[in-house]
Amino acid sequence: MKSNNWLTALIVMLVGILLIVWHQRVDVLNWIVIAVGIMLIVPGLYSCISALVRKSERNRGNTDYSAASSTIVASLGAIALGVWMVVSPAFFVGLLAYIFGAILILYGIFHIIVVAVWSRPFILPWWFYLIPVLMIIAGVVILCTDVRTINSAVVLITGIALVASSVNSVLEISATNPARTKNQIEQ
């Protein structure tokens, strides 16, 4: 199987473990929002500076620079949103929790598709569906709960779901290894 599948499973597991370890911290969602804000600011600054350099080079040659102008506007928007997230993370905490819930639902649906369709010609056992269904249930619980009152529960549920998903992904990767045959899996 491709090495990026193993790398993705490892990263998902590490993030899940970190969320489980830090779930009691009241400000963990604030720190995640701040980290996302920084991840918007850095590429926004890079894109803005690159577009300004390209625009100044094109101005000397009197060529069209509308693409550079739109890049600058998009970069400034990313920088503004990132600064807002860094300065006022509490505003985005509820949104982040709902995004976690939506991600769990989408990731659960994705894994059901992987197990049911993409792993053909292999027939995987029924218990490969258990973790994705539980992830969908956890996502629905997060979406239906007042997030402001259960910050640590949201982080813990998300962390557990990510670790379980990572383990399930490793099992899927090993179960659909091309060296295995359909007869070996059914036994």
Protein backbone atom coordinates (compact mmCIF):
# COMPACT_ATOMS: atom_id res chain seq x y z
CA MET A 1 0.00 0.00 0.00
CA LYS A 2 1.15 3.55 -0.49
CA SER A 3 3.33 5.05 2.23
CA ASN A 4 1.15 8.17 2.45
CA ASN A 5 -1.70 5.97 3.78
CA TRP A 6 0.54 4.87 6.63
CA LEU A 7 1.67 8.45 7.21
CA THR A 8 -1.93 9.70 7.30
CA ALA A 9 -2.88 7.00 9.79
CA LEU A 10 0.11 7.93 11.96
CA ILE A 11 -0.70 11.65 11.92
CA VAL A 12 -4.37 10.99 12.69
CA MET A 13 -3.33 8.76 15.59
CA LEU A 14 -0.90 11.35 16.98
CA VAL A 15 -3.51 14.12 16.81
CA GLY A 16 -6.06 11.83 18.48
CA ILE A 17 -3.62 10.92 21.27
CA LEU A 18 -2.80 14.59 21.85
CA LEU A 19 -6.50 15.45 22.06
CA ILE A 20 -7.08 12.61 24.55
CA VAL A 21 -4.11 13.66 26.71
CA TRP A 22 -5.10 17.35 26.69
CA HIS A 23 -8.89 16.97 26.91
CA GLN A 24 -9.02 18.28 30.50
CA ARG A 25 -7.37 21.56 29.56
CA VAL A 26 -10.05 24.19 29.35
CA ASP A 27 -8.24 26.18 26.68
CA VAL A 28 -7.31 23.35 24.29
CA LEU A 29 -9.87 24.44 21.71
CA ASN A 30 -8.59 28.02 22.02
CA TRP A 31 -5.07 26.80 21.25
CA ILE A 32 -6.32 24.84 18.25
CA VAL A 33 -8.08 27.97 16.95
CA ILE A 34 -4.90 30.01 17.46
CA ALA A 35 -2.85 27.36 15.61
CA VAL A 36 -5.31 27.44 12.70
CA GLY A 37 -5.11 31.24 12.70
CA ILE A 38 -1.33 31.08 12.47
CA MET A 39 -1.66 28.53 9.67
CA LEU A 40 -3.73 31.12 7.79
CA ILE A 41 -1.41 34.05 8.51
CA VAL A 42 1.86 32.43 7.39
CA PRO A 43 0.79 31.31 3.89
CA GLY A 44 -1.25 34.50 3.51
CA LEU A 45 1.86 36.59 4.14
CA TYR A 46 3.89 34.44 1.77
CA SER A 47 1.28 34.70 -0.99
CA CYS A 48 0.87 38.43 -0.51
CA ILE A 49 4.61 39.10 -0.67
CA SER A 50 5.02 36.80 -3.69
CA ALA A 51 2.12 38.50 -5.50
CA LEU A 52 3.52 41.95 -4.75
CA VAL A 53 6.90 40.91 -6.16
CA ARG A 54 5.26 39.44 -9.28
CA LYS A 55 3.10 42.52 -9.67
CA SER A 56 6.09 44.87 -9.50
CA GLU A 57 7.96 42.74 -12.06
CA ARG A 58 4.96 42.75 -14.40
CA ASN A 59 4.46 46.49 -14.03
CA ARG A 60 7.90 47.04 -15.47
CA GLY A 61 6.88 45.02 -18.53
CA ASN A 62 3.38 46.57 -18.73
CA THR A 63 1.66 43.16 -18.77
CA ASP A 64 -1.66 42.16 -17.24
CA TYR A 65 -1.50 41.94 -13.46
CA SER A 66 -5.13 41.15 -12.55
CA ALA A 67 -4.17 37.67 -11.30
CA ALA A 68 -1.63 39.18 -8.92
CA SER A 69 -4.26 41.65 -7.67
CA SER A 70 -6.75 38.89 -6.90
CA THR A 71 -4.02 36.91 -5.12
CA ILE A 72 -3.24 39.96 -2.99
CA VAL A 73 -6.90 40.39 -2.05
CA ALA A 74 -7.24 36.69 -1.14
CA SER A 75 -4.00 36.82 0.85
CA LEU A 76 -5.13 39.87 2.78
CA GLY A 77 -8.42 38.10 3.56
CA ALA A 78 -6.55 35.05 4.87
CA ILE A 79 -4.27 37.25 6.96
CA ALA A 80 -7.23 39.19 8.39
CA LEU A 81 -9.11 36.00 9.28
CA GLY A 82 -5.95 34.48 10.82
CA VAL A 83 -5.30 37.59 12.92
CA TRP A 84 -8.94 37.57 14.07
CA MET A 85 -8.59 33.90 15.07
CA VAL A 86 -5.38 34.59 16.99
CA VAL A 87 -6.72 37.72 18.74
CA SER A 88 -10.22 36.41 19.53
CA PRO A 89 -10.16 32.59 19.61
CA ALA A 90 -13.22 32.28 21.88
CA PHE A 91 -15.44 33.43 19.02
CA PHE A 92 -14.34 30.46 16.89
CA VAL A 93 -14.34 27.72 19.58
CA GLY A 94 -18.00 26.78 19.06
CA LEU A 95 -17.53 26.75 15.32
CA LEU A 96 -14.46 24.54 15.68
CA ALA A 97 -16.34 22.02 17.79
CA TYR A 98 -19.08 21.81 15.17
CA ILE A 99 -16.41 21.40 12.48
CA PHE A 100 -14.97 18.50 14.52
CA GLY A 101 -18.42 16.90 14.59
CA ALA A 102 -18.88 17.35 10.85
CA ILE A 103 -15.41 15.93 10.18
CA LEU A 104 -16.21 12.86 12.26
CA ILE A 105 -19.41 12.29 10.29
CA LEU A 106 -17.69 12.75 6.93
CA TYR A 107 -14.71 10.59 7.93
CA GLY A 108 -17.08 7.85 9.12
CA ILE A 109 -18.96 7.93 5.81
CA PHE A 110 -15.64 7.86 3.95
CA HIS A 111 -14.52 4.76 5.84
CA ILE A 112 -17.81 3.00 5.16
CA ILE A 113 -17.27 3.67 1.46
CA VAL A 114 -13.69 2.41 1.70
CA VAL A 115 -14.77 -0.78 3.43
CA ALA A 116 -17.80 -1.41 1.23
CA VAL A 117 -16.65 -0.33 -2.22
CA TRP A 118 -13.01 0.58 -2.57
CA SER A 119 -11.59 -2.50 -0.87
CA ARG A 120 -13.05 -4.80 -3.53
CA PRO A 121 -12.31 -7.60 -4.47
CA PHE A 122 -11.64 -8.16 -0.78
CA ILE A 123 -14.61 -8.86 1.47
CA LEU A 124 -13.93 -7.39 4.87
CA PRO A 125 -15.68 -8.61 8.05
CA TRP A 126 -18.67 -6.74 9.52
CA TRP A 127 -16.64 -5.31 12.40
CA PHE A 128 -14.77 -3.04 9.96
CA TYR A 129 -18.04 -1.08 9.80
CA LEU A 130 -18.28 -0.66 13.58
CA ILE A 131 -15.73 2.16 14.04
CA PRO A 132 -17.07 4.28 11.15
CA VAL A 133 -20.63 3.96 12.46
CA LEU A 134 -19.49 4.94 15.96
CA MET A 135 -17.65 7.93 14.47
CA ILE A 136 -20.83 9.06 12.74
CA ILE A 137 -22.74 8.71 16.02
CA ALA A 138 -20.07 10.69 17.88
CA GLY A 139 -20.24 13.43 15.25
CA VAL A 140 -24.01 13.63 15.56
CA VAL A 141 -23.70 13.83 19.37
CA ILE A 142 -21.22 16.70 19.06
CA LEU A 143 -23.46 18.53 16.59
CA CYS A 144 -26.52 18.13 18.83
CA THR A 145 -24.84 19.24 22.07
CA ASP A 146 -24.23 22.72 23.43
CA VAL A 147 -20.49 22.88 22.89
CA ARG A 148 -19.82 25.76 25.29
CA THR A 149 -20.69 23.55 28.25
CA ILE A 150 -18.83 20.40 27.22
CA ASN A 151 -15.53 21.55 25.72
CA SER A 152 -13.51 18.71 27.27
CA ALA A 153 -16.06 16.09 26.17
CA VAL A 154 -15.90 17.35 22.57
CA VAL A 155 -12.10 17.15 22.61
CA LEU A 156 -12.13 13.70 24.25
CA ILE A 157 -14.75 12.30 21.85
CA THR A 158 -12.85 13.67 18.87
CA GLY A 159 -9.54 12.28 20.16
CA ILE A 160 -10.96 8.82 20.79
CA ALA A 161 -12.65 8.78 17.40
CA LEU A 162 -9.41 9.80 15.65
CA VAL A 163 -7.36 7.10 17.42
CA ALA A 164 -10.01 4.45 16.67
CA SER A 165 -10.16 5.61 13.06
CA SER A 166 -6.40 5.39 12.75
CA VAL A 167 -6.38 1.84 14.09
CA ASN A 168 -9.21 0.95 11.73
CA SER A 169 -7.28 2.49 8.80
CA VAL A 170 -4.20 0.41 9.62
CA LEU A 171 -6.37 -2.71 9.74
CA GLU A 172 -7.97 -1.79 6.40
CA ILE A 173 -4.57 -1.20 4.82
CA SER A 174 -3.25 -4.54 6.04
CA ALA A 175 -6.48 -6.41 5.18
CA THR A 176 -6.48 -5.11 1.60
CA ASN A 177 -2.80 -5.76 1.03
CA PRO A 178 -2.38 -7.06 -2.54
CA ALA A 179 -0.49 -10.09 -1.20
CA ARG A 180 -3.68 -11.37 0.46
CA THR A 181 -6.32 -13.27 -1.41
CA LYS A 182 -10.09 -13.34 -1.08
CA ASN A 183 -9.98 -16.87 0.35
CA GLN A 184 -7.61 -15.87 3.15
CA ILE A 185 -9.89 -13.05 4.28
CA GLU A 186 -13.04 -15.19 4.37
CA GLN A 187 -11.42 -17.82 6.62
